[in-house]
Amino acid sequence: MDFAKSDLLEAKRQIDSTLHKLRETVKTLTAKENVKRYQSQITLANRRIQAFEIANCLIERELEQL
């Protein structure tokens, strides 16, 4: 599939925004008193962070080829 440069840049911008929010969520949840209670949400957020970082890397690689 071919993507327009503007589409890739917008996708990267959206992913960066979501990554920022997810990282803040992890900070907030790990600062809670009973952190074990939030462990599943922390794990889910960390997995999403990893997935979005991979997507970001692939978008950057695609942008370099344009």
PDB file of N, CA and C in Angstrom:
ATOM      1  N   MET A   1       0.832  -1.189   0.000  1.00  0.00           N
ATOM      2  CA  MET A   1       0.000   0.000   0.000  1.00  0.00           C
ATOM      3  C   MET A   1       0.867   1.239   0.000  1.00  0.00           C
ATOM      4  N   ASP A   2       0.467   2.184  -0.779  1.00  0.00           N
ATOM      5  CA  ASP A   2       1.174   3.458  -0.800  1.00  0.00           C
ATOM      6  C   ASP A   2       0.377   4.485   0.001  1.00  0.00           C
ATOM      7  N   PHE A   3       1.103   5.259   0.792  1.00  0.00           N
ATOM      8  CA  PHE A   3       0.479   6.291   1.614  1.00  0.00           C
ATOM      9  C   PHE A   3       1.053   7.643   1.247  1.00  0.00           C
ATOM     10  N   ALA A   4       0.224   8.655   1.300  1.00  0.00           N
ATOM     11  CA  ALA A   4       0.694  10.011   1.050  1.00  0.00           C
ATOM     12  C   ALA A   4       1.529  10.464   2.238  1.00  0.00           C
ATOM     13  N   LYS A   5       2.518  11.301   1.962  1.00  0.00           N
ATOM     14  CA  LYS A   5       3.384  11.808   3.022  1.00  0.00           C
ATOM     15  C   LYS A   5       2.569  12.512   4.103  1.00  0.00           C
ATOM     16  N   SER A   6       1.571  13.275   3.696  1.00  0.00           N
ATOM     17  CA  SER A   6       0.741  13.995   4.670  1.00  0.00           C
ATOM     18  C   SER A   6      -0.025  13.024   5.578  1.00  0.00           C
ATOM     19  N   ASP A   7      -0.460  11.897   5.017  1.00  0.00           N
ATOM     20  CA  ASP A   7      -1.165  10.893   5.819  1.00  0.00           C
ATOM     21  C   ASP A   7      -0.229  10.255   6.845  1.00  0.00           C
ATOM     22  N   LEU A   8       0.992   9.975   6.417  1.00  0.00           N
ATOM     23  CA  LEU A   8       1.974   9.392   7.331  1.00  0.00           C
ATOM     24  C   LEU A   8       2.340  10.369   8.453  1.00  0.00           C
ATOM     25  N   LEU A   9       2.506  11.627   8.093  1.00  0.00           N
ATOM     26  CA  LEU A   9       2.846  12.635   9.102  1.00  0.00           C
ATOM     27  C   LEU A   9       1.711  12.808  10.112  1.00  0.00           C
ATOM     28  N   GLU A  10       0.484  12.791   9.631  1.00  0.00           N
ATOM     29  CA  GLU A  10      -0.665  12.914  10.536  1.00  0.00           C
ATOM     30  C   GLU A  10      -0.782  11.680  11.435  1.00  0.00           C
ATOM     31  N   ALA A  11      -0.556  10.514  10.872  1.00  0.00           N
ATOM     32  CA  ALA A  11      -0.593   9.288  11.679  1.00  0.00           C
ATOM     33  C   ALA A  11       0.481   9.337  12.759  1.00  0.00           C
ATOM     34  N   LYS A  12       1.667   9.799  12.406  1.00  0.00           N
ATOM     35  CA  LYS A  12       2.759   9.916  13.374  1.00  0.00           C
ATOM     36  C   LYS A  12       2.402  10.912  14.469  1.00  0.00           C
ATOM     37  N   ARG A  13       1.789  12.014  14.096  1.00  0.00           N
ATOM     38  CA  ARG A  13       1.386  13.028  15.075  1.00  0.00           C
ATOM     39  C   ARG A  13       0.371  12.448  16.055  1.00  0.00           C
ATOM     40  N   GLN A  14      -0.585  11.699  15.523  1.00  0.00           N
ATOM     41  CA  GLN A  14      -1.602  11.088  16.381  1.00  0.00           C
ATOM     42  C   GLN A  14      -0.999  10.036  17.308  1.00  0.00           C
ATOM     43  N   ILE A  15      -0.090   9.252  16.782  1.00  0.00           N
ATOM     44  CA  ILE A  15       0.569   8.238  17.597  1.00  0.00           C
ATOM     45  C   ILE A  15       1.411   8.895  18.690  1.00  0.00           C
ATOM     46  N   ASP A  16       2.132   9.949  18.356  1.00  0.00           N
ATOM     47  CA  ASP A  16       2.921  10.662  19.360  1.00  0.00           C
ATOM     48  C   ASP A  16       2.034  11.193  20.486  1.00  0.00           C
ATOM     49  N   SER A  17       0.886  11.714  20.126  1.00  0.00           N
ATOM     50  CA  SER A  17      -0.056  12.224  21.116  1.00  0.00           C
ATOM     51  C   SER A  17      -0.558  11.096  22.021  1.00  0.00           C
ATOM     52  N   THR A  18      -0.919   9.988  21.411  1.00  0.00           N
ATOM     53  CA  THR A  18      -1.416   8.845  22.185  1.00  0.00           C
ATOM     54  C   THR A  18      -0.320   8.281  23.084  1.00  0.00           C
ATOM     55  N   LEU A  19       0.901   8.220  22.569  1.00  0.00           N
ATOM     56  CA  LEU A  19       2.026   7.745  23.384  1.00  0.00           C
ATOM     57  C   LEU A  19       2.223   8.627  24.609  1.00  0.00           C
ATOM     58  N   HIS A  20       2.142   9.918  24.417  1.00  0.00           N
ATOM     59  CA  HIS A  20       2.294  10.846  25.536  1.00  0.00           C
ATOM     60  C   HIS A  20       1.220  10.573  26.602  1.00  0.00           C
ATOM     61  N   LYS A  21      -0.011  10.416  26.162  1.00  0.00           N
ATOM     62  CA  LYS A  21      -1.111  10.161  27.094  1.00  0.00           C
ATOM     63  C   LYS A  21      -0.942   8.823  27.807  1.00  0.00           C
ATOM     64  N   LEU A  22      -0.520   7.802  27.080  1.00  0.00           N
ATOM     65  CA  LEU A  22      -0.310   6.495  27.697  1.00  0.00           C
ATOM     66  C   LEU A  22       0.817   6.533  28.731  1.00  0.00           C
ATOM     67  N   ARG A  23       1.888   7.227  28.409  1.00  0.00           N
ATOM     68  CA  ARG A  23       3.005   7.331  29.365  1.00  0.00           C
ATOM     69  C   ARG A  23       2.573   8.071  30.626  1.00  0.00           C
ATOM     70  N   GLU A  24       1.767   9.095  30.466  1.00  0.00           N
ATOM     71  CA  GLU A  24       1.246   9.825  31.631  1.00  0.00           C
ATOM     72  C   GLU A  24       0.311   8.936  32.450  1.00  0.00           C
ATOM     73  N   THR A  25      -0.465   8.117  31.768  1.00  0.00           N
ATOM     74  CA  THR A  25      -1.352   7.185  32.457  1.00  0.00           C
ATOM     75  C   THR A  25      -0.556   6.202  33.292  1.00  0.00           C
ATOM     76  N   VAL A  26       0.521   5.660  32.718  1.00  0.00           N
ATOM     77  CA  VAL A  26       1.362   4.723  33.459  1.00  0.00           C
ATOM     78  C   VAL A  26       1.971   5.411  34.684  1.00  0.00           C
ATOM     79  N   LYS A  27       2.447   6.637  34.525  1.00  0.00           N
ATOM     80  CA  LYS A  27       2.997   7.381  35.661  1.00  0.00           C
ATOM     81  C   LYS A  27       1.957   7.543  36.755  1.00  0.00           C
ATOM     82  N   THR A  28       0.752   7.916  36.362  1.00  0.00           N
ATOM     83  CA  THR A  28      -0.325   8.133  37.332  1.00  0.00           C
ATOM     84  C   THR A  28      -0.679   6.838  38.052  1.00  0.00           C
ATOM     85  N   LEU A  29      -0.826   5.767  37.295  1.00  0.00           N
ATOM     86  CA  LEU A  29      -1.222   4.500  37.905  1.00  0.00           C
ATOM     87  C   LEU A  29      -0.142   3.926  38.819  1.00  0.00           C
ATOM     88  N   THR A  30       1.113   4.085  38.428  1.00  0.00           N
ATOM     89  CA  THR A  30       2.186   3.546  39.277  1.00  0.00           C
ATOM     90  C   THR A  30       2.409   4.395  40.520  1.00  0.00           C
ATOM     91  N   ALA A  31       1.881   5.607  40.535  1.00  0.00           N
ATOM     92  CA  ALA A  31       2.011   6.464  41.709  1.00  0.00           C
ATOM     93  C   ALA A  31       0.877   6.238  42.714  1.00  0.00           C
ATOM     94  N   LYS A  32      -0.110   5.449  42.345  1.00  0.00           N
ATOM     95  CA  LYS A  32      -1.234   5.177  43.241  1.00  0.00           C
ATOM     96  C   LYS A  32      -0.765   4.369  44.452  1.00  0.00           C
ATOM     97  N   GLU A  33      -1.549   4.465  45.532  1.00  0.00           N
ATOM     98  CA  GLU A  33      -1.205   3.748  46.763  1.00  0.00           C
ATOM     99  C   GLU A  33      -1.182   2.241  46.575  1.00  0.00           C
ATOM    100  N   ASN A  34      -2.253   1.683  46.075  1.00  0.00           N
ATOM    101  CA  ASN A  34      -2.364   0.239  45.916  1.00  0.00           C
ATOM    102  C   ASN A  34      -2.096  -0.124  44.455  1.00  0.00           C
ATOM    103  N   VAL A  35      -0.822  -0.093  44.075  1.00  0.00           N
ATOM    104  CA  VAL A  35      -0.443  -0.256  42.666  1.00  0.00           C
ATOM    105  C   VAL A  35      -0.824  -1.637  42.129  1.00  0.00           C
ATOM    106  N   LYS A  36      -0.869  -2.657  42.989  1.00  0.00           N
ATOM    107  CA  LYS A  36      -1.251  -3.999  42.516  1.00  0.00           C
ATOM    108  C   LYS A  36      -2.669  -4.022  41.970  1.00  0.00           C
ATOM    109  N   ARG A  37      -3.496  -3.164  42.500  1.00  0.00           N
ATOM    110  CA  ARG A  37      -4.877  -3.086  42.043  1.00  0.00           C
ATOM    111  C   ARG A  37      -4.959  -2.643  40.582  1.00  0.00           C
ATOM    112  N   TYR A  38      -3.974  -1.884  40.140  1.00  0.00           N
ATOM    113  CA  TYR A  38      -3.967  -1.316  38.791  1.00  0.00           C
ATOM    114  C   TYR A  38      -3.007  -2.038  37.849  1.00  0.00           C
ATOM    115  N   GLN A  39      -2.480  -3.168  38.275  1.00  0.00           N
ATOM    116  CA  GLN A  39      -1.441  -3.848  37.500  1.00  0.00           C
ATOM    117  C   GLN A  39      -1.906  -4.224  36.091  1.00  0.00           C
ATOM    118  N   SER A  40      -3.148  -4.670  35.947  1.00  0.00           N
ATOM    119  CA  SER A  40      -3.610  -5.057  34.603  1.00  0.00           C
ATOM    120  C   SER A  40      -3.694  -3.838  33.679  1.00  0.00           C
ATOM    121  N   GLN A  41      -4.129  -2.690  34.203  1.00  0.00           N
ATOM    122  CA  GLN A  41      -4.182  -1.479  33.388  1.00  0.00           C
ATOM    123  C   GLN A  41      -2.785  -0.998  33.022  1.00  0.00           C
ATOM    124  N   ILE A  42      -1.848  -1.130  33.965  1.00  0.00           N
ATOM    125  CA  ILE A  42      -0.460  -0.741  33.705  1.00  0.00           C
ATOM    126  C   ILE A  42       0.135  -1.632  32.626  1.00  0.00           C
ATOM    127  N   THR A  43      -0.100  -2.935  32.737  1.00  0.00           N
ATOM    128  CA  THR A  43       0.413  -3.878  31.735  1.00  0.00           C
ATOM    129  C   THR A  43      -0.169  -3.576  30.359  1.00  0.00           C
ATOM    130  N   LEU A  44      -1.474  -3.340  30.302  1.00  0.00           N
ATOM    131  CA  LEU A  44      -2.121  -3.023  29.036  1.00  0.00           C
ATOM    132  C   LEU A  44      -1.552  -1.740  28.435  1.00  0.00           C
ATOM    133  N   ALA A  45      -1.388  -0.709  29.249  1.00  0.00           N
ATOM    134  CA  ALA A  45      -0.836   0.557  28.761  1.00  0.00           C
ATOM    135  C   ALA A  45       0.591   0.353  28.254  1.00  0.00           C
ATOM    136  N   ASN A  46       1.392  -0.410  28.967  1.00  0.00           N
ATOM    137  CA  ASN A  46       2.774  -0.660  28.532  1.00  0.00           C
ATOM    138  C   ASN A  46       2.819  -1.428  27.218  1.00  0.00           C
ATOM    139  N   ARG A  47       1.918  -2.376  27.044  1.00  0.00           N
ATOM    140  CA  ARG A  47       1.855  -3.119  25.774  1.00  0.00           C
ATOM    141  C   ARG A  47       1.430  -2.210  24.627  1.00  0.00           C
ATOM    142  N   ARG A  48       0.509  -1.318  24.908  1.00  0.00           N
ATOM    143  CA  ARG A  48       0.084  -0.365  23.876  1.00  0.00           C
ATOM    144  C   ARG A  48       1.209   0.597  23.537  1.00  0.00           C
ATOM    145  N   ILE A  49       1.949   1.026  24.541  1.00  0.00           N
ATOM    146  CA  ILE A  49       3.107   1.897  24.291  1.00  0.00           C
ATOM    147  C   ILE A  49       4.080   1.203  23.357  1.00  0.00           C
ATOM    148  N   GLN A  50       4.376  -0.054  23.643  1.00  0.00           N
ATOM    149  CA  GLN A  50       5.307  -0.803  22.800  1.00  0.00           C
ATOM    150  C   GLN A  50       4.784  -0.924  21.364  1.00  0.00           C
ATOM    151  N   ALA A  51       3.501  -1.203  21.215  1.00  0.00           N
ATOM    152  CA  ALA A  51       2.915  -1.340  19.872  1.00  0.00           C
ATOM    153  C   ALA A  51       2.971  -0.020  19.113  1.00  0.00           C
ATOM    154  N   PHE A  52       2.646   1.077  19.795  1.00  0.00           N
ATOM    155  CA  PHE A  52       2.681   2.383  19.134  1.00  0.00           C
ATOM    156  C   PHE A  52       4.117   2.803  18.800  1.00  0.00           C
ATOM    157  N   GLU A  53       5.077   2.429  19.631  1.00  0.00           N
ATOM    158  CA  GLU A  53       6.476   2.734  19.319  1.00  0.00           C
ATOM    159  C   GLU A  53       6.918   2.000  18.064  1.00  0.00           C
ATOM    160  N   ILE A  54       6.479   0.760  17.920  1.00  0.00           N
ATOM    161  CA  ILE A  54       6.796  -0.009  16.708  1.00  0.00           C
ATOM    162  C   ILE A  54       6.156   0.659  15.489  1.00  0.00           C
ATOM    163  N   ALA A  55       4.896   1.031  15.617  1.00  0.00           N
ATOM    164  CA  ALA A  55       4.203   1.700  14.512  1.00  0.00           C
ATOM    165  C   ALA A  55       4.901   3.000  14.134  1.00  0.00           C
ATOM    166  N   ASN A  56       5.306   3.753  15.146  1.00  0.00           N
ATOM    167  CA  ASN A  56       6.012   5.014  14.901  1.00  0.00           C
ATOM    168  C   ASN A  56       7.314   4.767  14.143  1.00  0.00           C
ATOM    169  N   CYS A  57       8.036   3.758  14.546  1.00  0.00           N
ATOM    170  CA  CYS A  57       9.304   3.413  13.884  1.00  0.00           C
ATOM    171  C   CYS A  57       9.063   3.048  12.415  1.00  0.00           C
ATOM    172  N   LEU A  58       8.028   2.287  12.167  1.00  0.00           N
ATOM    173  CA  LEU A  58       7.722   1.890  10.791  1.00  0.00           C
ATOM    174  C   LEU A  58       7.280   3.083   9.952  1.00  0.00           C
ATOM    175  N   ILE A  59       6.533   3.993  10.545  1.00  0.00           N
ATOM    176  CA  ILE A  59       6.130   5.207   9.824  1.00  0.00           C
ATOM    177  C   ILE A  59       7.360   6.042   9.494  1.00  0.00           C
ATOM    178  N   GLU A  60       8.267   6.201  10.458  1.00  0.00           N
ATOM    179  CA  GLU A  60       9.484   6.956  10.204  1.00  0.00           C
ATOM    180  C   GLU A  60      10.309   6.318   9.093  1.00  0.00           C
ATOM    181  N   ARG A  61      10.386   5.012   9.090  1.00  0.00           N
ATOM    182  CA  ARG A  61      11.125   4.291   8.042  1.00  0.00           C
ATOM    183  C   ARG A  61      10.484   4.554   6.674  1.00  0.00           C
ATOM    184  N   GLU A  62       9.171   4.534   6.644  1.00  0.00           N
ATOM    185  CA  GLU A  62       8.444   4.797   5.390  1.00  0.00           C
ATOM    186  C   GLU A  62       8.679   6.233   4.922  1.00  0.00           C
ATOM    187  N   LEU A  63       8.671   7.172   5.859  1.00  0.00           N
ATOM    188  CA  LEU A  63       8.899   8.585   5.506  1.00  0.00           C
ATOM    189  C   LEU A  63      10.298   8.796   4.942  1.00  0.00           C
ATOM    190  N   GLU A  64      11.278   8.066   5.452  1.00  0.00           N
ATOM    191  CA  GLU A  64      12.657   8.184   4.951  1.00  0.00           C
ATOM    192  C   GLU A  64      12.760   7.733   3.492  1.00  0.00           C
ATOM    193  N   GLN A  65      11.901   6.828   3.087  1.00  0.00           N
ATOM    194  CA  GLN A  65      11.947   6.294   1.737  1.00  0.00           C
ATOM    195  C   GLN A  65      11.243   7.193   0.716  1.00  0.00           C
ATOM    196  N   LEU A  66      10.513   8.176   1.204  1.00  0.00           N
ATOM    197  CA  LEU A  66       9.802   9.074   0.289  1.00  0.00           C
ATOM    198  C   LEU A  66      10.707  10.140  -0.271  1.00  0.00           C
TER     199      LEU A  66
END
